[in-house]
Each structure stands twice: as structure tokens, then as C-alpha cells.
Protein backbone atom coordinates (compact mmCIF):
# COMPACT_ATOMS: atom_id res chain seq x y z
CA MET A 1 0.00 0.00 0.00
CA ASP A 2 1.04 3.55 -0.61
CA PRO A 3 2.41 5.06 2.64
CA GLU A 4 0.99 8.47 1.61
CA SER A 5 -2.54 7.08 1.20
CA GLU A 6 -5.20 8.60 3.48
CA THR A 7 -7.69 5.81 2.89
CA GLU A 8 -8.57 3.90 6.05
CA THR A 9 -7.54 0.27 5.94
CA TYR A 10 -8.93 -0.89 9.30
CA VAL A 11 -11.80 0.18 11.50
CA ALA A 12 -13.10 -1.12 14.81
CA GLY A 13 -16.14 0.12 16.67
CA ARG A 14 -18.08 -0.60 19.84
CA PHE A 15 -21.83 -0.08 19.65
CA THR A 16 -24.63 -0.32 22.19
CA ILE A 17 -28.38 -0.49 21.83
CA GLU A 18 -30.31 1.76 24.19
CA ASP A 19 -33.03 -0.74 25.06
CA TRP A 20 -33.93 -2.57 28.27
CA ARG A 21 -33.38 -5.93 26.62
CA TRP A 22 -29.85 -5.13 25.38
CA SER A 23 -28.76 -2.91 28.27
CA GLY A 24 -25.06 -3.33 28.95
CA VAL A 25 -24.46 -5.58 25.91
CA PRO A 26 -21.69 -4.23 23.67
CA PHE A 27 -21.54 -5.00 19.95
CA TYR A 28 -18.12 -4.90 18.30
CA LEU A 29 -17.56 -4.47 14.58
CA ARG A 30 -14.13 -4.96 13.03
CA ALA A 31 -13.40 -4.65 9.32
CA GLY A 32 -10.38 -3.99 7.18
CA LYS A 33 -8.58 -4.44 3.90
CA ARG A 34 -5.63 -6.75 3.32
CA LEU A 35 -6.07 -8.65 6.58
CA PRO A 36 -4.38 -12.07 6.91
CA GLU A 37 -7.65 -13.91 6.18
CA ARG A 38 -11.08 -13.07 4.79
CA THR A 39 -13.72 -14.21 7.27
CA THR A 40 -17.20 -13.30 8.38
CA GLU A 41 -17.97 -14.42 11.90
CA ILE A 42 -20.43 -13.62 14.69
CA ALA A 43 -19.02 -14.30 18.17
CA ILE A 44 -21.10 -14.11 21.33
CA GLN A 45 -19.07 -13.84 24.53
CA PHE A 46 -21.12 -14.67 27.61
CA LYS A 47 -20.85 -12.68 30.82
CA GLU A 48 -19.05 -14.14 33.80
CA VAL A 49 -21.40 -15.62 36.38
CA PRO A 50 -21.43 -13.91 39.80
CA LEU A 51 -20.82 -17.17 41.72
CA PRO A 52 -18.45 -19.54 39.88
CA LEU A 53 -19.19 -23.25 40.12
CA PHE A 54 -15.51 -24.26 40.13
CA ARG A 55 -14.18 -22.11 42.99
CA GLU A 56 -11.03 -24.20 43.49
CA SER A 57 -9.83 -23.62 39.93
CA THR A 58 -6.79 -21.40 39.68
CA GLY A 59 -6.34 -18.53 37.29
CA ASP A 60 -8.77 -16.18 35.64
CA PRO A 61 -11.55 -18.15 33.93
CA ALA A 62 -11.79 -17.68 30.18
CA PRO A 63 -15.23 -16.54 28.98
CA ASN A 64 -17.67 -18.92 27.34
CA VAL A 65 -17.99 -18.17 23.62
CA LEU A 66 -20.48 -19.12 20.90
CA ALA A 67 -19.09 -18.35 17.43
CA MET A 68 -20.90 -18.74 14.13
CA ARG A 69 -18.69 -18.66 11.05
CA ILE A 70 -20.51 -17.34 7.99
CA GLN A 71 -17.66 -17.59 5.49
CA PRO A 72 -15.42 -19.14 4.22
CA ASP A 73 -15.88 -22.36 6.27
CA GLU A 74 -19.43 -22.26 7.59
CA GLY A 75 -19.87 -23.71 11.04
CA ILE A 76 -20.53 -23.23 14.74
CA MET A 77 -18.09 -23.35 17.65
CA LEU A 78 -18.97 -23.42 21.35
CA ARG A 79 -16.16 -22.99 23.89
CA PHE A 80 -17.03 -23.33 27.59
CA ALA A 81 -15.74 -24.41 30.99
CA ALA A 82 -16.47 -28.00 31.99
CA LYS A 83 -15.63 -30.19 34.97
CA VAL A 84 -12.55 -32.33 34.49
CA PRO A 85 -13.44 -36.01 35.09
CA GLY A 86 -12.47 -37.24 38.53
CA LEU A 87 -13.15 -36.46 42.17
CA ALA A 88 -11.58 -32.99 42.22
CA TRP A 89 -13.78 -29.98 41.44
CA THR A 90 -11.51 -28.50 38.79
CA SER A 91 -12.53 -27.11 35.45
CA GLY A 92 -11.02 -27.26 31.99
CA ARG A 93 -11.84 -25.75 28.62
CA SER A 94 -14.02 -27.74 26.25
CA THR A 95 -14.66 -26.87 22.62
CA TRP A 96 -17.42 -28.26 20.43
CA THR A 97 -17.39 -27.56 16.72
CA SER A 98 -19.75 -28.30 13.88
CA THR A 99 -19.20 -27.51 10.23
CA THR A 100 -21.64 -27.54 7.39
CA ALA A 101 -19.38 -29.68 5.24
CA PRO A 102 -21.45 -32.28 3.47
CA PRO A 103 -21.27 -35.70 5.16
CA PHE A 104 -20.85 -37.45 1.81
CA PRO A 105 -18.73 -36.39 -1.15
CA TRP A 106 -21.01 -35.08 -3.87
CA THR A 107 -20.41 -33.54 -7.25
CA ARG A 108 -22.96 -31.80 -9.42
CA PRO A 109 -23.98 -34.03 -12.34
CA THR A 110 -23.00 -32.95 -15.83
CA ARG A 111 -25.65 -31.90 -18.36
CA THR A 112 -25.56 -35.31 -20.02
CA ARG A 113 -26.27 -37.10 -16.72
CA ARG A 114 -29.25 -34.88 -15.77
């Protein structure tokens, strides 16, 4: 890019909706040109609960996140805290993912096969 260019190449904004239902919920929008990858994603980061279930766990708990990827690889990802198997009340991070990739390979038939 031209170093003398005055065209913005990246923008980030924090928006709120003045409504009782969305009170205190920030919406973040980030967009730019020439970023490392071209993606469209909606990520919902859940608030921390006032009384954590796993009190004995050390460190700052990572937030639970629900992310929906629109493009290029459509799918859903849910990342949350879960109890580690065993007698101790410790937590670990668990991630569930689902993609919309077809379960069976399929190719569109040619005109002669239709």
C-alpha cells in the first residue's frame, strides 16, 4: 500500500443499543482491507457468572464463547468451561465444533447425466 494514502484500511467500533433488553451488551464491529484472512464471523461472549461453580480452579476463567462462522468455512463453535473427570472440582476448557461440510462427497452431475 502507498504510505501516503489517506484511505482507512482498518476500522473497529463498539456499539450499544439503548433498550432494556440489550442494556449493557456491547456489539463490536471490526473490518479492514488486506487482513491475513477473509472471514465473516459472529461471536457471542457470555458474561461471567457472579458465583463460579468451580471455585477451586486457579487462574482467571476464560469466557464462554459461541461463534458462528458465515464464510469461508461455515460452522458453529462453542467454547465453555467444563468439569474435568475425577473427584476434584476442577474445570477445563471444552470446545465443540460443527461444520456444514457435506457428510458425503457429492459432485454436481453434468448436463448429459441430468
